[in-house]
Amino acid sequence: MSKVITLGCRLNIAESDAIRAMLPDDDLVVVNSCAVTEEAVRQTRRAIRRAKRERPDARVVVTGCAVEVEPAMFAAMPEVAGVVANTAKLDPSSFSPFASSEVEKRISTSLDTDGRNSSHARGFVEVQNGCDHSCTFCIIPQGRGPSRSLPAGAVIDRVKAVVDGGAGEVVLTGVDVTSYGDLAGDSLGLLVERILKAVPHLPRLRLSSLDPVEIDERLFALIVGEPRVMPHLHFSLQAGDDMILKRMKRRHLRTDAIDLVQRIKAARPEIAIGADLIAGFPTETEAMFANSLAIVEACDIVFGHIFPYSPRRGTPAARMPQVEPEVVRARARRLREACAERQAAWLDRLNGSEQRLLVELDGRTGHAENFAKIAVESRLPPRSIQSVRITARRGDTLIGVPA
């Protein structure tokens, strides 16, 4: 039976769901790779070797950003039967050469897939791909190419299919989601409006990582005023110090992020904030790091994705003066601890509250509207949305009972 192994971002998850739906019932393993850091590339190589050990007779095919950035390295791995370019991985014919002859002809030429193909109760829908920006630490534009948006009609059709397939929530994904709108007259806010109007039976809509500088008034109004847009935002902040932000070539300053979060929280206080933060970026002093540490409190970050900086070959930041690795690791640990402490206090405040839980396929876990993880003792219908009363916290997970 074919298998897809996913590394990296939510866009990769969405694409892996589409790949999984199109693959034949054959002995294929597709590794959908990530290139965001050197460690992500190493993890991809380990995943390939592990897949071949576990299924020696399988043909391992590699696609994704790491293949796009370093194709020769992956093609030379003895475990790899072949590579598929990132731009071709959603074309079923790309995998035909690796299928056994008796099943090759059965590979579907359609990407029709719904929420039941996903390994989650949520469905991930791609709205945009690629990036036009040049952040000095990032290799992804080389792996994904320039920004391009999917037509709104195609996105709406996909959302309908996912919801009709049983998914209780749709997550809009992309490399730079807030840049949606390179098609004339479009914007992410307008797309969200059209989705909500065209798919009235969509219970929950969630937005993946957002660039704070690109949130316009239309999108802001939907975030704070539309109940079907989930009260959980994840921002691509990367740092909390203005000099480091400039050296990263980010387009916002510290005060921009803080002011935006304060405006959002004033209008919809229950919104939970997440953020990507990089520790130990080249030239970062202790004072600069202190500003990044302080932004955890200033922006009320309860979901911190912390990345210890590591030089990525081919990026400008790799040529800048580097921070000592042990200092990078220590700063990453301090950021994680600050985010974990803030998250724990936030979760404790939710004790005794009633939350709407989207139940995962195991029937016992899921996420609240604010993306808090919840576990229940008694099994609930998978993919359903249930009211639960929070009774305790266990680590980073709330414990609930049906309300």
Protein backbone atom coordinates (compact mmCIF):
# COMPACT_ATOMS: atom_id res chain seq x y z
CA MET A 1 0.00 0.00 0.00
CA SER A 2 1.32 3.45 -0.88
CA LYS A 3 2.35 5.81 1.90
CA VAL A 4 3.13 9.53 2.15
CA ILE A 5 5.57 10.87 4.74
CA THR A 6 5.24 14.60 5.40
CA LEU A 7 7.85 16.96 6.79
CA GLY A 8 7.53 20.69 7.32
CA CYS A 9 4.68 23.14 6.98
CA ARG A 10 0.90 23.00 6.78
CA LEU A 11 1.08 23.58 3.04
CA ASN A 12 3.02 20.34 2.79
CA ILE A 13 0.28 18.65 4.82
CA ALA A 14 -2.36 19.89 2.37
CA GLU A 15 -0.30 18.75 -0.60
CA SER A 16 0.40 15.39 0.99
CA ASP A 17 -3.34 14.80 1.38
CA ALA A 18 -3.75 15.43 -2.36
CA ILE A 19 -0.80 13.15 -3.20
CA ARG A 20 -2.18 10.40 -0.94
CA ALA A 21 -5.54 10.55 -2.73
CA MET A 22 -3.99 10.16 -6.17
CA LEU A 23 -1.49 7.36 -5.46
CA PRO A 24 -2.25 3.79 -6.52
CA ASP A 25 -2.57 0.88 -4.13
CA ASP A 26 1.05 -0.02 -4.67
CA ASP A 27 4.37 -0.35 -2.86
CA LEU A 28 5.28 3.34 -3.13
CA VAL A 29 6.55 5.64 -0.37
CA VAL A 30 6.50 9.35 -1.16
CA VAL A 31 8.55 11.61 1.10
CA ASN A 32 7.31 15.21 0.92
CA SER A 33 10.40 17.06 2.10
CA CYS A 34 11.20 20.34 3.83
CA ALA A 35 14.17 22.66 3.30
CA VAL A 36 13.47 25.45 5.78
CA THR A 37 16.65 24.64 7.78
CA GLU A 38 19.67 22.38 7.42
CA GLU A 39 18.15 20.27 10.19
CA ALA A 40 14.96 19.86 8.12
CA VAL A 41 17.08 18.50 5.27
CA ARG A 42 18.82 16.07 7.65
CA GLN A 43 15.42 14.95 8.95
CA THR A 44 14.31 14.34 5.37
CA ARG A 45 17.34 12.15 4.72
CA ARG A 46 16.70 10.22 7.93
CA ALA A 47 13.04 9.74 6.98
CA ILE A 48 14.09 8.32 3.60
CA ARG A 49 16.54 5.85 5.14
CA ARG A 50 14.01 4.80 7.79
CA ALA A 51 11.28 4.29 5.18
CA LYS A 52 13.53 2.02 3.16
CA ARG A 53 14.56 0.01 6.24
CA GLU A 54 10.93 -0.50 7.21
CA ARG A 55 9.81 -1.39 3.67
CA PRO A 56 12.82 -2.75 1.77
CA ASP A 57 10.77 -3.63 -1.32
CA ALA A 58 9.10 -0.22 -1.60
CA ARG A 59 10.11 2.36 -4.18
CA VAL A 60 10.89 5.61 -2.31
CA VAL A 61 10.11 8.79 -4.26
CA VAL A 62 11.11 12.18 -2.86
CA THR A 63 9.49 15.52 -3.60
CA GLY A 64 9.11 18.87 -1.82
CA CYS A 65 11.30 21.88 -1.15
CA ALA A 66 14.48 20.01 -0.19
CA VAL A 67 14.47 18.21 -3.55
CA GLU A 68 14.00 21.52 -5.34
CA VAL A 69 16.95 23.10 -3.53
CA GLU A 70 19.32 20.10 -3.60
CA PRO A 71 18.03 17.63 -6.23
CA ALA A 72 21.36 15.93 -6.97
CA MET A 73 21.96 15.04 -3.32
CA PHE A 74 18.62 13.24 -3.00
CA ALA A 75 18.80 11.59 -6.41
CA ALA A 76 22.17 10.11 -5.41
CA MET A 77 20.83 8.42 -2.26
CA PRO A 78 20.78 4.65 -2.82
CA GLU A 79 17.39 4.37 -1.11
CA VAL A 80 15.73 6.78 -3.57
CA ALA A 81 14.03 5.44 -6.70
CA GLY A 82 13.46 8.93 -8.07
CA VAL A 83 12.67 12.56 -7.37
CA VAL A 84 9.66 14.66 -8.40
CA ALA A 85 9.93 18.44 -8.71
CA ASN A 86 7.89 20.53 -6.32
CA THR A 87 5.97 22.04 -9.22
CA ALA A 88 5.02 18.58 -10.49
CA LYS A 89 4.05 16.78 -7.29
CA LEU A 90 0.32 17.40 -7.70
CA ASP A 91 0.34 15.91 -11.20
CA PRO A 92 -0.57 12.21 -10.89
CA SER A 93 1.48 11.34 -13.97
CA SER A 94 4.62 12.39 -12.09
CA PHE A 95 4.40 9.21 -10.01
CA SER A 96 3.48 6.84 -12.84
CA PRO A 97 7.08 5.90 -13.70
CA PHE A 98 7.59 4.57 -10.16
CA ALA A 99 4.44 2.43 -10.01
CA SER A 100 4.59 -1.24 -10.86
CA SER A 101 3.43 -1.96 -14.39
CA GLU A 102 0.22 -3.71 -13.34
CA VAL A 103 -1.05 -0.71 -11.35
CA GLU A 104 0.48 2.19 -13.27
CA LYS A 105 -2.55 2.47 -15.51
CA ARG A 106 -4.82 2.80 -12.48
CA ILE A 107 -3.28 6.01 -11.22
CA SER A 108 -6.06 8.59 -11.14
CA THR A 109 -5.76 11.70 -13.25
CA SER A 110 -7.96 13.62 -10.83
CA LEU A 111 -7.14 15.53 -7.66
CA ASP A 112 -10.70 15.24 -6.38
CA THR A 113 -10.31 14.54 -2.68
CA ASP A 114 -12.24 15.39 0.41
CA GLY A 115 -11.85 15.61 4.17
CA ARG A 116 -12.05 11.83 4.53
CA ASN A 117 -8.67 11.46 2.83
CA SER A 118 -7.04 13.49 5.58
CA SER A 119 -5.47 12.01 8.69
CA HIS A 120 -7.07 14.85 10.66
CA ALA A 121 -10.55 16.15 11.44
CA ARG A 122 -9.40 19.35 9.76
CA GLY A 123 -8.94 19.82 6.05
CA PHE A 124 -5.97 21.83 4.76
CA VAL A 125 -6.73 23.85 1.63
CA GLU A 126 -3.96 25.53 -0.34
CA VAL A 127 -4.79 29.05 -1.50
CA GLN A 128 -1.34 30.32 -2.42
CA ASN A 129 2.16 29.06 -3.13
CA GLY A 130 5.62 30.60 -3.44
CA CYS A 131 7.01 33.85 -2.03
CA ASP A 132 8.17 37.17 -3.48
CA HIS A 133 10.10 38.29 -0.41
CA SER A 134 13.78 37.87 0.33
CA CYS A 135 14.16 37.24 4.05
CA THR A 136 17.86 36.76 4.58
CA PHE A 137 17.49 33.49 6.54
CA CYS A 138 15.05 31.77 4.18
CA ILE A 139 15.67 29.31 1.33
CA ILE A 140 11.99 28.64 0.62
CA PRO A 141 11.62 31.00 -2.39
CA GLN A 142 14.21 28.81 -4.12
CA GLY A 143 12.13 25.73 -3.34
CA ARG A 144 8.68 27.18 -4.06
CA GLY A 145 9.26 29.91 -6.62
CA PRO A 146 7.45 33.27 -6.86
CA SER A 147 4.10 33.92 -5.21
CA ARG A 148 1.01 32.85 -7.11
CA SER A 149 -2.59 32.62 -5.90
CA LEU A 150 -5.15 29.99 -6.75
CA PRO A 151 -8.37 31.31 -8.32
CA ALA A 152 -11.03 31.97 -5.70
CA GLY A 153 -13.52 29.71 -7.48
CA ALA A 154 -11.13 26.76 -7.31
CA VAL A 155 -10.47 27.41 -3.61
CA ILE A 156 -14.19 27.55 -2.86
CA ASP A 157 -14.79 24.29 -4.74
CA ARG A 158 -12.05 22.66 -2.72
CA VAL A 159 -13.45 23.97 0.57
CA LYS A 160 -16.89 22.63 -0.36
CA ALA A 161 -15.41 19.21 -1.16
CA VAL A 162 -13.51 19.07 2.11
CA VAL A 163 -16.56 20.05 4.18
CA ASP A 164 -18.85 17.68 2.25
CA GLY A 165 -16.29 14.97 2.96
CA GLY A 166 -16.81 15.36 6.69
CA ALA A 167 -14.09 17.77 7.86
CA GLY A 168 -15.26 19.96 10.72
CA GLU A 169 -12.75 22.69 10.01
CA VAL A 170 -10.86 24.09 7.04
CA VAL A 171 -7.38 25.61 7.39
CA LEU A 172 -6.28 27.96 4.61
CA THR A 173 -2.61 27.34 3.87
CA GLY A 174 0.18 28.72 1.72
CA VAL A 175 3.78 29.83 1.85
CA ASP A 176 2.77 33.49 2.31
CA VAL A 177 -1.00 33.31 2.82
CA THR A 178 -1.51 37.01 3.46
CA SER A 179 -0.03 37.85 0.06
CA TYR A 180 -3.06 36.19 -1.57
CA GLY A 181 -4.37 38.44 -4.31
CA ASP A 182 -1.87 38.65 -7.14
CA LEU A 183 -4.98 38.02 -9.24
CA ALA A 184 -6.64 41.32 -10.14
CA GLY A 185 -8.78 42.75 -7.35
CA ASP A 186 -8.34 39.86 -4.94
CA SER A 187 -7.13 39.81 -1.34
CA LEU A 188 -7.15 37.29 1.49
CA GLY A 189 -9.95 39.17 3.23
CA LEU A 190 -12.10 39.10 0.08
CA LEU A 191 -11.38 35.38 -0.36
CA VAL A 192 -12.45 34.66 3.23
CA GLU A 193 -15.68 36.62 2.68
CA ARG A 194 -16.43 34.65 -0.47
CA ILE A 195 -15.74 31.30 1.22
CA LEU A 196 -18.02 32.08 4.16
CA LYS A 197 -20.82 33.18 1.84
CA ALA A 198 -20.44 30.32 -0.67
CA VAL A 199 -20.06 27.55 1.94
CA PRO A 200 -22.62 28.32 4.65
CA HIS A 201 -22.28 24.80 6.08
CA LEU A 202 -18.57 25.36 6.80
CA PRO A 203 -18.43 25.21 10.62
CA ARG A 204 -14.94 26.58 11.26
CA LEU A 205 -12.37 28.42 9.19
CA ARG A 206 -8.81 28.80 10.44
CA LEU A 207 -5.98 30.84 8.93
CA SER A 208 -2.43 29.54 8.93
CA SER A 209 0.69 31.65 9.48
CA LEU A 210 0.12 35.34 8.72
CA ASP A 211 2.52 38.19 7.97
CA PRO A 212 1.43 40.99 10.33
CA VAL A 213 2.29 43.73 7.84
CA GLU A 214 -0.21 42.37 5.29
CA ILE A 215 -3.35 42.31 7.45
CA ASP A 216 -5.61 44.96 5.92
CA GLU A 217 -8.82 46.38 7.39
CA ARG A 218 -11.08 43.93 5.54
CA LEU A 219 -9.21 40.93 6.93
CA PHE A 220 -8.94 42.55 10.37
CA ALA A 221 -12.73 43.00 10.50
CA LEU A 222 -13.27 39.32 9.67
CA ILE A 223 -10.73 38.17 12.26
CA VAL A 224 -12.36 40.11 15.09
CA GLY A 225 -16.00 39.99 14.00
CA GLU A 226 -16.75 36.73 12.19
CA PRO A 227 -17.52 33.85 14.59
CA ARG A 228 -16.72 31.17 12.01
CA VAL A 229 -13.17 32.54 11.70
CA MET A 230 -11.44 30.83 14.60
CA PRO A 231 -10.05 32.96 17.47
CA HIS A 232 -6.48 31.81 16.95
CA LEU A 233 -3.83 33.59 14.90
CA HIS A 234 -0.27 32.57 14.18
CA PHE A 235 2.10 35.34 13.13
CA SER A 236 5.39 35.13 11.31
CA LEU A 237 7.21 37.49 13.70
CA GLN A 238 10.71 35.89 13.72
CA ALA A 239 12.16 38.45 16.15
CA GLY A 240 11.26 41.23 18.56
CA ASP A 241 14.23 43.52 17.97
CA ASP A 242 14.14 46.17 15.25
CA MET A 243 17.78 45.80 14.19
CA ILE A 244 17.47 42.04 13.85
CA LEU A 245 14.19 42.44 11.94
CA LYS A 246 15.96 44.79 9.51
CA ARG A 247 18.85 42.36 9.09
CA MET A 248 16.33 39.62 8.42
CA LYS A 249 14.69 41.92 5.82
CA ARG A 250 11.35 41.59 7.51
CA ARG A 251 8.83 44.30 6.65
CA HIS A 252 7.49 45.06 10.12
CA LEU A 253 8.96 46.58 13.27
CA ARG A 254 8.49 45.55 16.86
CA THR A 255 5.81 48.18 17.54
CA ASP A 256 3.86 47.09 14.44
CA ALA A 257 3.43 43.60 15.87
CA ILE A 258 2.59 44.78 19.37
CA ASP A 259 0.08 47.40 18.15
CA LEU A 260 -1.64 44.85 15.89
CA VAL A 261 -2.05 42.32 18.69
CA GLN A 262 -3.36 44.99 21.05
CA ARG A 263 -5.96 46.08 18.46
CA ILE A 264 -7.03 42.48 17.88
CA LYS A 265 -7.23 41.64 21.57
CA ALA A 266 -9.21 44.81 22.31
CA ALA A 267 -11.82 43.79 19.73
CA ARG A 268 -11.87 40.03 20.42
CA PRO A 269 -10.16 39.24 23.74
CA GLU A 270 -10.47 35.45 23.44
CA ILE A 271 -8.12 35.27 20.46
CA ALA A 272 -5.04 33.14 21.17
CA ILE A 273 -1.77 34.29 19.63
CA GLY A 274 0.99 32.10 18.22
CA ALA A 275 4.23 33.18 16.59
CA ASP A 276 7.39 31.95 14.90
CA LEU A 277 10.53 33.22 16.63
CA ILE A 278 14.16 32.62 15.67
CA ALA A 279 16.74 32.50 18.46
CA GLY A 280 20.35 33.43 17.87
CA PHE A 281 20.09 35.11 14.48
CA PRO A 282 23.51 36.32 13.26
CA THR A 283 24.77 39.47 15.08
CA GLU A 284 22.12 39.06 17.83
CA THR A 285 23.42 40.53 21.09
CA GLU A 286 22.04 39.74 24.53
CA ALA A 287 20.16 43.06 24.50
CA MET A 288 18.64 42.27 21.11
CA PHE A 289 17.65 38.84 22.34
CA ALA A 290 16.04 40.42 25.41
CA ASN A 291 13.70 42.31 23.08
CA SER A 292 12.65 39.05 21.42
CA LEU A 293 12.16 37.46 24.83
CA ALA A 294 10.04 40.40 25.96
CA ILE A 295 7.77 40.23 22.91
CA VAL A 296 6.40 36.92 24.22
CA GLU A 297 4.68 38.91 26.95
CA ALA A 298 4.03 42.03 24.87
CA CYS A 299 2.16 40.01 22.21
CA ASP A 300 0.72 37.47 24.67
CA ILE A 301 2.22 34.55 22.72
CA VAL A 302 0.79 31.25 23.99
CA PHE A 303 1.78 29.14 20.99
CA GLY A 304 5.47 29.73 20.33
CA HIS A 305 7.24 28.00 17.46
CA ILE A 306 10.88 28.50 18.40
CA PHE A 307 13.66 27.90 15.88
CA PRO A 308 17.31 27.95 16.97
CA TYR A 309 19.05 29.68 14.08
CA SER A 310 21.32 27.52 11.96
CA PRO A 311 23.03 28.81 8.81
CA ARG A 312 21.26 27.75 5.61
CA ARG A 313 23.59 27.46 2.64
CA GLY A 314 22.65 29.86 -0.14
CA THR A 315 21.12 32.52 2.11
CA PRO A 316 22.60 35.95 2.96
CA ALA A 317 22.32 35.30 6.71
CA ALA A 318 24.72 32.38 6.41
CA ARG A 319 27.43 34.87 5.46
CA MET A 320 26.79 37.16 8.43
CA PRO A 321 28.74 36.95 11.74
CA GLN A 322 27.32 33.94 13.54
CA VAL A 323 26.31 33.57 17.19
CA GLU A 324 28.04 30.73 19.04
CA PRO A 325 25.97 27.52 18.76
CA GLU A 326 25.78 26.99 22.52
CA VAL A 327 24.44 30.56 22.92
CA VAL A 328 21.86 29.92 20.19
CA ARG A 329 20.68 26.77 21.95
CA ALA A 330 20.49 28.53 25.32
CA ARG A 331 18.45 31.41 23.89
CA ALA A 332 16.09 29.01 22.14
CA ARG A 333 15.58 27.20 25.43
CA ARG A 334 14.77 30.48 27.22
CA LEU A 335 12.24 31.41 24.54
CA ARG A 336 10.58 28.00 24.75
CA GLU A 337 10.41 28.27 28.54
CA ALA A 338 8.85 31.74 28.35
CA CYS A 339 6.22 30.56 25.85
CA ALA A 340 5.50 27.40 27.86
CA GLU A 341 5.06 29.41 31.06
CA ARG A 342 2.69 31.82 29.36
CA GLN A 343 0.76 28.95 27.75
CA ALA A 344 0.39 27.13 31.07
CA ALA A 345 -1.02 30.25 32.75
CA TRP A 346 -3.45 30.75 29.85
CA LEU A 347 -4.62 27.13 29.94
CA ASP A 348 -5.12 27.33 33.71
CA ARG A 349 -7.41 30.32 33.20
CA LEU A 350 -9.57 28.16 30.94
CA ASN A 351 -10.26 25.66 33.73
CA GLY A 352 -14.00 25.52 34.38
CA SER A 353 -14.87 27.05 31.01
CA GLU A 354 -16.91 25.48 28.24
CA GLN A 355 -15.08 24.93 24.96
CA ARG A 356 -16.18 23.76 21.53
CA LEU A 357 -14.04 20.74 20.66
CA LEU A 358 -13.42 19.47 17.13
CA VAL A 359 -12.92 15.76 17.78
CA GLU A 360 -10.01 14.06 16.03
CA LEU A 361 -10.20 10.61 14.46
CA ASP A 362 -9.28 8.86 17.72
CA GLY A 363 -12.46 10.17 19.32
CA ARG A 364 -10.64 11.33 22.45
CA THR A 365 -8.58 14.38 21.48
CA GLY A 366 -8.93 17.54 19.45
CA HIS A 367 -8.67 21.31 19.47
CA ALA A 368 -10.86 24.08 20.82
CA GLU A 369 -11.72 27.09 18.69
CA ASN A 370 -8.74 28.88 20.28
CA PHE A 371 -6.56 25.89 19.27
CA ALA A 372 -6.02 24.68 22.82
CA LYS A 373 -5.46 20.91 22.85
CA ILE A 374 -8.17 19.00 24.68
CA ALA A 375 -8.45 15.36 25.73
CA VAL A 376 -11.63 13.64 26.98
CA GLU A 377 -12.00 10.36 28.86
CA SER A 378 -15.06 9.03 27.00
CA ARG A 379 -14.95 8.52 23.25
CA LEU A 380 -16.82 11.09 21.13
CA PRO A 381 -17.86 10.90 17.45
CA PRO A 382 -14.81 11.66 15.26
CA ARG A 383 -14.96 14.88 13.22
CA SER A 384 -17.90 16.14 15.30
CA ILE A 385 -17.92 19.43 17.20
CA GLN A 386 -18.80 18.92 20.87
CA SER A 387 -19.22 21.19 23.87
CA VAL A 388 -16.93 20.14 26.69
CA ARG A 389 -16.37 21.51 30.17
CA ILE A 390 -12.72 21.89 31.17
CA THR A 391 -11.87 20.21 34.47
CA ALA A 392 -8.06 20.18 34.60
CA ARG A 393 -4.78 20.69 32.75
CA ARG A 394 -2.25 17.98 32.05
CA GLY A 395 0.92 19.57 30.66
CA ASP A 396 -0.01 21.42 27.49
CA THR A 397 -3.40 19.66 27.20
CA LEU A 398 -6.73 20.54 28.80
CA ILE A 399 -8.89 17.74 30.19
CA GLY A 400 -12.62 17.96 29.54
CA VAL A 401 -15.94 16.18 29.96
CA PRO A 402 -18.99 16.49 27.70
CA ALA A 403 -20.97 19.57 28.76
